[in-house]
């Protein structure tokens, strides 16, 4: 069974983007190279780099954690990725 991953990317403009996937390397490639599959937010801020990932057993758990991340301030997100 594949693990769900919550990931955070650092964009070229130093902004942060959070997402959920079961294949981080594929998703990172899509964010950096695929205009159709990459997120609209990251398309204009390429290149992006993976700076954080945490694994979960279920999609539900991963989505709840992603939602918590999206509610954090930039400063709080920076602390999370530096831990």
Protein backbone atom coordinates (compact mmCIF):
# COMPACT_ATOMS: atom_id res chain seq x y z
CA UNK A 1 0.00 0.00 0.00
CA UNK A 2 1.37 3.39 -0.99
CA UNK A 3 1.87 6.11 1.58
CA UNK A 4 0.35 9.54 1.16
CA UNK A 5 2.80 12.41 1.42
CA UNK A 6 2.31 16.04 2.36
CA UNK A 7 5.07 18.09 0.75
CA UNK A 8 6.19 21.70 0.78
CA UNK A 9 7.98 23.35 -2.12
CA UNK A 10 10.07 26.50 -2.07
CA UNK A 11 9.39 28.56 -5.18
CA UNK A 12 11.83 30.82 -7.03
CA UNK A 13 10.26 33.87 -5.33
CA UNK A 14 10.86 32.24 -1.89
CA UNK A 15 7.14 31.57 -1.39
CA UNK A 16 6.01 28.17 -0.11
CA UNK A 17 3.52 25.76 -1.68
CA UNK A 18 2.00 22.73 0.09
CA UNK A 19 0.42 19.72 -1.56
CA UNK A 20 -0.53 16.05 -1.16
CA UNK A 21 0.52 13.13 -3.37
CA UNK A 22 1.44 9.46 -3.40
CA UNK A 23 4.42 10.06 -5.72
CA UNK A 24 6.55 13.03 -4.67
CA UNK A 25 9.16 12.77 -7.43
CA UNK A 26 6.48 12.66 -10.17
CA UNK A 27 4.65 15.59 -8.60
CA UNK A 28 7.83 17.66 -8.28
CA UNK A 29 8.57 17.02 -11.96
CA UNK A 30 5.02 18.11 -12.88
CA UNK A 31 5.38 21.33 -10.86
CA UNK A 32 8.64 22.15 -12.62
CA UNK A 33 7.99 20.98 -16.18
CA UNK A 34 4.32 20.34 -16.99
CA UNK A 35 2.06 23.31 -17.70
CA UNK A 36 -1.03 21.12 -17.75
CA UNK A 37 -0.45 19.07 -14.59
CA UNK A 38 1.62 21.46 -12.48
CA UNK A 39 -0.25 23.76 -10.12
CA UNK A 40 -1.12 27.16 -11.54
CA UNK A 41 0.55 28.77 -8.52
CA UNK A 42 3.90 27.09 -9.14
CA UNK A 43 3.92 27.57 -12.93
CA UNK A 44 4.74 31.25 -12.56
CA UNK A 45 7.29 30.62 -9.81
CA UNK A 46 9.58 27.97 -11.31
CA UNK A 47 11.88 26.39 -10.50
CA UNK A 48 10.52 24.89 -7.31
CA UNK A 49 12.44 22.71 -4.85
CA UNK A 50 11.21 20.12 -2.39
CA UNK A 51 12.02 21.23 1.17
CA UNK A 52 9.69 19.15 3.35
CA UNK A 53 7.74 15.91 3.28
CA UNK A 54 5.79 13.90 5.84
CA UNK A 55 4.15 10.53 5.21
CA UNK A 56 0.69 9.32 6.22
CA UNK A 57 -1.18 6.02 5.93
CA UNK A 58 -4.37 7.54 4.55
CA UNK A 59 -5.32 10.35 2.21
CA UNK A 60 -7.64 11.73 4.87
CA UNK A 61 -4.80 12.13 7.39
CA UNK A 62 -2.59 13.76 4.76
CA UNK A 63 -5.29 16.21 3.66
CA UNK A 64 -6.00 17.21 7.27
CA UNK A 65 -2.30 17.95 7.82
CA UNK A 66 -2.08 19.88 4.54
CA UNK A 67 -5.08 21.95 5.62
CA UNK A 68 -3.33 22.76 8.92
CA UNK A 69 -0.20 23.84 7.03
CA UNK A 70 -2.17 26.14 4.74
CA UNK A 71 -3.55 27.95 7.80
CA UNK A 72 -0.06 28.72 9.14
CA UNK A 73 1.70 32.03 8.63
CA UNK A 74 4.82 32.08 6.46
CA UNK A 75 6.95 32.36 9.61
CA UNK A 76 5.27 29.29 11.13
CA UNK A 77 5.78 27.34 7.89
CA UNK A 78 9.45 28.29 7.86
CA UNK A 79 9.81 26.95 11.41
CA UNK A 80 8.07 23.71 10.39
CA UNK A 81 10.43 23.09 7.48
CA UNK A 82 13.53 23.92 9.53
CA UNK A 83 12.76 21.37 12.27
